[in-house]
Amino acid sequence: MFLQALLIFVLQLIYVPVLTMRTILLVKNQTKSAAGVGLLEGIIYIVSLIFVFQDLSNMYNIVAYIVGFSVGLLLGGSLERKLAIGYITYQANILDKNMELVNALRSAGFGVTVYTGEGISTARYRLDIVAKRSRENELLEIIDKFEPKAFLMSYEIRSFKGGYLTKSMKKRAVTFFKKKQNSEENS
């Protein structure tokens, strides 16, 4: 009796993170990968429901399903943050045209475009910065170092095409990591 409830719980621990991954892949427009993950999701879903519906008077199975689903959501969220699939755009609004910040971001491998705008009484500057989600913390550290009072907004990028970014961002990131590794080894 408890073994079946434990199996249902474990299936939910697997099912919900798989469901999370399928949803992320769909949002990122990776439909073929999402379909493959969805196949696994469907199998797990059906198997766990078979156990639950075999005996609806068995409260242990029902509770295991519900609690497993809830804990699975926590695991799925944690997995999503760790994988950090995709790209993100940050808009940094700053008071002065800080080329030190722009150059630091570019040399670290981030795509940066600078715009000049009108504030209520003075010119303002906006940086549109594109980064892999997995490097978001690095990006924020650089901004905080050069412009701790920057106003930041972020957006997830679903897809993009062309531009300077696609080829050079990878090259600059590799160069940045090599320099960073060399400086850490020399310290």
Protein backbone atom coordinates (compact mmCIF):
# COMPACT_ATOMS: atom_id res chain seq x y z
CA MET A 1 0.00 0.00 0.00
CA PHE A 2 2.73 2.49 0.99
CA LEU A 3 5.02 1.23 -1.77
CA GLN A 4 2.47 2.21 -4.41
CA ALA A 5 2.05 5.66 -2.81
CA LEU A 6 5.83 6.08 -2.80
CA LEU A 7 5.97 5.13 -6.49
CA ILE A 8 3.27 7.70 -7.30
CA PHE A 9 5.21 10.35 -5.35
CA VAL A 10 8.45 9.57 -7.23
CA LEU A 11 6.64 9.59 -10.59
CA GLN A 12 5.30 13.07 -9.79
CA LEU A 13 8.80 14.21 -8.80
CA ILE A 14 9.90 13.22 -12.29
CA TYR A 15 6.73 14.27 -14.13
CA VAL A 16 6.50 17.90 -13.03
CA PRO A 17 10.11 18.89 -13.85
CA VAL A 18 9.64 17.20 -17.25
CA LEU A 19 6.42 19.21 -17.68
CA THR A 20 8.37 22.36 -16.76
CA MET A 21 11.05 21.59 -19.35
CA ARG A 22 8.46 20.95 -22.06
CA THR A 23 6.77 24.25 -21.31
CA ILE A 24 10.07 26.13 -21.43
CA LEU A 25 11.00 24.51 -24.73
CA LEU A 26 7.63 25.49 -26.21
CA VAL A 27 8.01 29.08 -25.03
CA LYS A 28 11.52 29.16 -26.53
CA ASN A 29 10.05 27.99 -29.85
CA GLN A 30 11.86 24.63 -29.75
CA THR A 31 8.83 22.57 -30.71
CA LYS A 32 10.63 19.39 -31.82
CA SER A 33 12.47 19.09 -28.51
CA ALA A 34 9.25 19.91 -26.67
CA ALA A 35 7.45 17.11 -28.51
CA GLY A 36 10.12 14.60 -27.45
CA VAL A 37 9.96 15.70 -23.84
CA GLY A 38 6.15 15.68 -24.07
CA LEU A 39 6.24 12.01 -25.00
CA LEU A 40 8.05 11.18 -21.77
CA GLU A 41 5.70 13.49 -19.87
CA GLY A 42 2.62 11.69 -21.24
CA ILE A 43 3.93 8.25 -20.30
CA ILE A 44 4.70 9.27 -16.72
CA TYR A 45 1.33 11.03 -16.41
CA ILE A 46 -0.67 8.03 -17.56
CA VAL A 47 1.23 5.54 -15.40
CA SER A 48 0.82 7.62 -12.24
CA LEU A 49 -2.89 8.19 -12.91
CA ILE A 50 -3.42 4.46 -13.45
CA PHE A 51 -2.16 3.85 -9.91
CA VAL A 52 -4.30 6.62 -8.44
CA PHE A 53 -7.51 5.59 -10.24
CA GLN A 54 -7.11 1.89 -9.41
CA ASP A 55 -8.46 2.61 -5.95
CA LEU A 56 -9.92 6.05 -5.32
CA SER A 57 -10.57 5.12 -1.70
CA ASN A 58 -6.80 4.86 -1.10
CA MET A 59 -6.05 8.29 0.33
CA TYR A 60 -2.31 7.56 0.52
CA ASN A 61 -2.11 7.39 -3.28
CA ILE A 62 -4.10 10.59 -3.70
CA VAL A 63 -2.00 12.46 -1.13
CA ALA A 64 1.21 11.10 -2.71
CA TYR A 65 0.04 12.40 -6.10
CA ILE A 66 -0.80 15.86 -4.73
CA VAL A 67 2.31 16.24 -2.57
CA GLY A 68 4.53 14.82 -5.32
CA PHE A 69 3.10 17.36 -7.76
CA SER A 70 3.80 20.23 -5.35
CA VAL A 71 7.36 19.13 -4.56
CA GLY A 72 7.87 18.48 -8.28
CA LEU A 73 6.99 22.13 -8.96
CA LEU A 74 9.75 23.20 -6.58
CA LEU A 75 12.20 20.87 -8.33
CA GLY A 76 11.08 22.05 -11.77
CA GLY A 77 11.57 25.69 -10.82
CA SER A 78 15.01 24.96 -9.42
CA LEU A 79 15.96 23.01 -12.56
CA GLU A 80 14.79 25.87 -14.79
CA ARG A 81 16.92 28.39 -12.88
CA LYS A 82 19.98 26.13 -13.07
CA LEU A 83 19.64 25.45 -16.80
CA ALA A 84 18.83 29.10 -17.61
CA ILE A 85 17.97 28.30 -21.22
CA GLY A 86 17.86 31.15 -23.70
CA TYR A 87 18.70 34.82 -23.80
CA ILE A 88 17.67 37.91 -21.89
CA THR A 89 17.68 41.62 -22.72
CA TYR A 90 18.36 44.22 -20.07
CA GLN A 91 17.59 47.88 -20.50
CA ALA A 92 19.86 49.93 -18.28
CA ASN A 93 18.85 53.58 -17.93
CA ILE A 94 21.75 55.73 -16.74
CA LEU A 95 22.39 59.45 -16.23
CA ASP A 96 25.72 59.73 -18.06
CA LYS A 97 27.10 58.09 -21.16
CA ASN A 98 29.36 55.65 -19.33
CA MET A 99 31.67 54.23 -21.98
CA GLU A 100 33.65 52.43 -19.30
CA LEU A 101 30.55 50.37 -18.57
CA VAL A 102 29.80 49.87 -22.28
CA ASN A 103 33.37 48.71 -22.98
CA ALA A 104 33.40 46.40 -19.93
CA LEU A 105 30.15 44.79 -21.07
CA ARG A 106 31.33 44.38 -24.64
CA SER A 107 34.70 42.96 -23.65
CA ALA A 108 32.86 40.47 -21.42
CA GLY A 109 30.98 39.25 -24.49
CA PHE A 110 27.64 40.97 -24.07
CA GLY A 111 25.84 42.70 -26.93
CA VAL A 112 25.32 46.40 -26.13
CA THR A 113 23.52 49.17 -28.01
CA VAL A 114 23.56 52.73 -26.63
CA TYR A 115 20.67 55.18 -27.09
CA THR A 116 20.33 58.83 -26.10
CA GLY A 117 16.96 60.02 -24.84
CA GLU A 118 15.31 62.99 -23.16
CA GLY A 119 14.72 62.95 -19.42
CA ILE A 120 12.59 65.52 -17.65
CA SER A 121 15.46 68.00 -17.43
CA THR A 122 18.55 66.37 -18.97
CA ALA A 123 19.66 63.80 -21.49
CA ARG A 124 19.46 60.17 -20.39
CA TYR A 125 21.17 57.12 -21.81
CA ARG A 126 19.75 53.66 -22.32
CA LEU A 127 21.80 50.57 -22.88
CA ASP A 128 20.12 47.57 -24.49
CA ILE A 129 22.18 44.58 -23.38
CA VAL A 130 21.72 41.03 -24.63
CA ALA A 131 23.08 38.09 -22.66
CA LYS A 132 22.65 34.38 -22.24
CA ARG A 133 20.44 33.76 -19.21
CA SER A 134 23.20 31.61 -17.75
CA ARG A 135 25.40 34.73 -17.58
CA GLU A 136 22.79 37.07 -16.09
CA ASN A 137 24.53 37.36 -12.71
CA GLU A 138 27.83 38.33 -14.36
CA LEU A 139 26.03 41.00 -16.35
CA LEU A 140 24.41 42.44 -13.22
CA GLU A 141 27.74 42.46 -11.36
CA ILE A 142 29.39 44.48 -14.13
CA ILE A 143 26.52 46.97 -14.24
CA ASP A 144 26.55 47.30 -10.46
CA LYS A 145 30.31 47.91 -10.46
CA PHE A 146 30.13 50.81 -12.95
CA GLU A 147 26.55 52.12 -12.46
CA PRO A 148 25.13 51.03 -9.09
CA LYS A 149 22.17 53.43 -9.46
CA ALA A 150 21.16 52.25 -12.95
CA PHE A 151 17.47 51.63 -13.48
CA LEU A 152 17.18 48.10 -14.91
CA MET A 153 14.40 46.28 -16.75
CA SER A 154 14.70 42.82 -18.22
CA TYR A 155 12.90 40.88 -20.93
CA GLU A 156 13.23 37.30 -22.09
CA ILE A 157 14.07 36.92 -25.76
CA ARG A 158 12.06 34.24 -27.49
CA SER A 159 14.07 34.34 -30.69
CA PHE A 160 16.36 36.58 -32.70
CA LYS A 161 18.05 36.53 -36.05
CA GLY A 162 21.11 38.12 -37.58
CA GLY A 163 23.01 41.14 -36.43
CA TYR A 164 26.44 41.56 -34.97
CA LEU A 165 25.46 39.68 -31.87
CA THR A 166 25.07 36.12 -33.07
CA LYS A 167 28.69 35.49 -34.12
CA SER A 168 30.70 37.92 -32.06
CA MET A 169 29.01 37.34 -28.72
CA LYS A 170 30.34 33.78 -28.60
CA LYS A 171 33.88 34.86 -29.56
CA ARG A 172 33.97 37.69 -27.01
CA ALA A 173 32.62 35.45 -24.25
CA VAL A 174 35.36 32.87 -24.89
CA THR A 175 38.04 35.59 -24.83
CA PHE A 176 36.58 37.05 -21.63
CA PHE A 177 36.56 33.68 -19.86
CA LYS A 178 40.16 32.97 -20.90
CA LYS A 179 41.31 36.34 -19.53
CA LYS A 180 39.33 35.79 -16.34
CA GLN A 181 40.80 32.30 -15.88
CA ASN A 182 44.34 33.56 -16.51
CA SER A 183 43.95 36.39 -14.00
CA GLU A 184 42.60 33.95 -11.38
CA GLU A 185 45.52 31.58 -11.97
CA ASN A 186 48.03 34.44 -11.64
CA SER A 187 46.44 35.67 -8.39
